[in-house]
C-alpha atoms as a PDB file:
ATOM      1  CA  UNK A   1      14.342  -4.690 -19.157  1.00  0.00           C
ATOM      2  CA  UNK A   2      17.418  -4.822 -17.008  1.00  0.00           C
ATOM      3  CA  UNK A   3      17.419  -6.219 -13.505  1.00  0.00           C
ATOM      4  CA  UNK A   4      13.989  -7.774 -13.718  1.00  0.00           C
ATOM      5  CA  UNK A   5      14.365  -9.277 -10.234  1.00  0.00           C
ATOM      6  CA  UNK A   6      14.807  -5.840  -8.667  1.00  0.00           C
ATOM      7  CA  UNK A   7      11.720  -4.442 -10.384  1.00  0.00           C
ATOM      8  CA  UNK A   8       9.754  -7.560  -9.433  1.00  0.00           C
ATOM      9  CA  UNK A   9      10.835  -7.266  -5.790  1.00  0.00           C
ATOM     10  CA  UNK A  10       9.826  -3.600  -5.693  1.00  0.00           C
ATOM     11  CA  UNK A  11       6.455  -4.432  -7.226  1.00  0.00           C
ATOM     12  CA  UNK A  12       5.805  -7.290  -4.807  1.00  0.00           C
ATOM     13  CA  UNK A  13       6.727  -5.117  -1.818  1.00  0.00           C
ATOM     14  CA  UNK A  14       4.382  -2.347  -2.963  1.00  0.00           C
ATOM     15  CA  UNK A  15       1.581  -4.873  -3.529  1.00  0.00           C
ATOM     16  CA  UNK A  16       2.159  -6.320  -0.058  1.00  0.00           C
ATOM     17  CA  UNK A  17       2.117  -2.861   1.516  1.00  0.00           C
ATOM     18  CA  UNK A  18      -1.112  -2.100  -0.334  1.00  0.00           C
ATOM     19  CA  UNK A  19      -2.784  -5.252   0.967  1.00  0.00           C
ATOM     20  CA  UNK A  20      -1.660  -4.549   4.543  1.00  0.00           C
ATOM     21  CA  UNK A  21      -3.055  -1.025   4.338  1.00  0.00           C
ATOM     22  CA  UNK A  22      -6.358  -2.242   2.909  1.00  0.00           C
ATOM     23  CA  UNK A  23      -6.598  -4.873   5.622  1.00  0.00           C
ATOM     24  CA  UNK A  24      -5.963  -2.283   8.340  1.00  0.00           C
ATOM     25  CA  UNK A  25      -8.534   0.121   6.914  1.00  0.00           C
ATOM     26  CA  UNK A  26     -11.092  -2.649   6.540  1.00  0.00           C
ATOM     27  CA  UNK A  27     -10.566  -3.725  10.134  1.00  0.00           C
ATOM     28  CA  UNK A  28     -10.846  -0.165  11.421  1.00  0.00           C
ATOM     29  CA  UNK A  29     -13.981   0.582   9.395  1.00  0.00           C
ATOM     30  CA  UNK A  30     -15.844  -2.725   9.623  1.00  0.00           C
ATOM     31  CA  UNK A  31     -14.760  -4.234  12.925  1.00  0.00           C
ATOM     32  CA  UNK A  32     -13.495  -1.570  15.327  1.00  0.00           C
ATOM     33  CA  UNK A  33     -14.378  -3.650  18.407  1.00  0.00           C
ATOM     34  CA  UNK A  34     -11.705  -6.146  17.374  1.00  0.00           C
ATOM     35  CA  UNK A  35      -9.031  -3.526  17.867  1.00  0.00           C
ATOM     36  CA  UNK A  36      -9.122  -3.482  21.654  1.00  0.00           C
ATOM     37  CA  UNK A  37      -8.393  -0.488  23.853  1.00  0.00           C
ATOM     38  CA  UNK A  38      -8.212   2.145  21.137  1.00  0.00           C
ATOM     39  CA  UNK A  39      -9.567   5.589  21.789  1.00  0.00           C
ATOM     40  CA  UNK A  40     -11.241   7.558  19.015  1.00  0.00           C
ATOM     41  CA  UNK A  41      -7.994   9.475  18.555  1.00  0.00           C
ATOM     42  CA  UNK A  42      -5.970   6.253  18.295  1.00  0.00           C
ATOM     43  CA  UNK A  43      -8.377   4.846  15.736  1.00  0.00           C
ATOM     44  CA  UNK A  44      -8.237   8.018  13.670  1.00  0.00           C
ATOM     45  CA  UNK A  45      -4.431   8.065  13.743  1.00  0.00           C
ATOM     46  CA  UNK A  46      -4.275   4.389  12.760  1.00  0.00           C
ATOM     47  CA  UNK A  47      -6.745   4.972   9.933  1.00  0.00           C
ATOM     48  CA  UNK A  48      -4.762   7.974   8.726  1.00  0.00           C
ATOM     49  CA  UNK A  49      -1.536   5.961   8.740  1.00  0.00           C
ATOM     50  CA  UNK A  50      -3.212   3.122   6.847  1.00  0.00           C
ATOM     51  CA  UNK A  51      -4.581   5.567   4.279  1.00  0.00           C
ATOM     52  CA  UNK A  52      -1.155   7.145   3.792  1.00  0.00           C
ATOM     53  CA  UNK A  53       0.397   3.698   3.419  1.00  0.00           C
ATOM     54  CA  UNK A  54      -2.239   2.779   0.840  1.00  0.00           C
ATOM     55  CA  UNK A  55      -1.648   5.967  -1.143  1.00  0.00           C
ATOM     56  CA  UNK A  56       2.117   5.455  -0.989  1.00  0.00           C
ATOM     57  CA  UNK A  57       1.853   1.857  -2.205  1.00  0.00           C
ATOM     58  CA  UNK A  58      -0.517   2.869  -5.020  1.00  0.00           C
ATOM     59  CA  UNK A  59       1.899   5.643  -6.052  1.00  0.00           C
ATOM     60  CA  UNK A  60       4.841   3.230  -6.110  1.00  0.00           C
ATOM     61  CA  UNK A  61       2.892   0.726  -8.199  1.00  0.00           C
ATOM     62  CA  UNK A  62       1.908   3.457 -10.653  1.00  0.00           C
ATOM     63  CA  UNK A  63       5.509   4.666 -11.007  1.00  0.00           C
ATOM     64  CA  UNK A  64       6.712   1.116 -11.641  1.00  0.00           C
ATOM     65  CA  UNK A  65       3.971   0.650 -14.219  1.00  0.00           C
ATOM     66  CA  UNK A  66       4.699   3.966 -15.937  1.00  0.00           C
ATOM     67  CA  UNK A  67       8.467   3.563 -16.083  1.00  0.00           C
ATOM     68  CA  UNK A  68       9.369  -0.108 -15.866  1.00  0.00           C
ATOM     69  CA  UNK A  69       6.481  -2.479 -16.466  1.00  0.00           C
ATOM     70  CA  UNK A  70       5.384  -1.423 -19.950  1.00  0.00           C
ATOM     71  CA  UNK A  71       7.269  -2.267 -23.109  1.00  0.00           C
ATOM     72  CA  UNK A  72       6.466   0.955 -24.952  1.00  0.00           C
ATOM     73  CA  UNK A  73       7.290   3.433 -22.209  1.00  0.00           C
ATOM     74  CA  UNK A  74      10.315   4.895 -23.993  1.00  0.00           C
ATOM     75  CA  UNK A  75      12.440   4.985 -20.816  1.00  0.00           C
END
């Protein structure tokens, strides 16, 4: 595999983004009083953003796995 450092950096960034999104969702779902002066609308928007970030990170990880992190991918 060429440019292993680049692929590794992309993977680590996606994993970090995934963890941040999971942390945000967990906080919003399990401990909403710790968020402060959020309205219901603010909380929903924050949860929606966290969910989108989670889905995006999962998609990026899957693409890296499918195309760059397996030896027998044929690409």
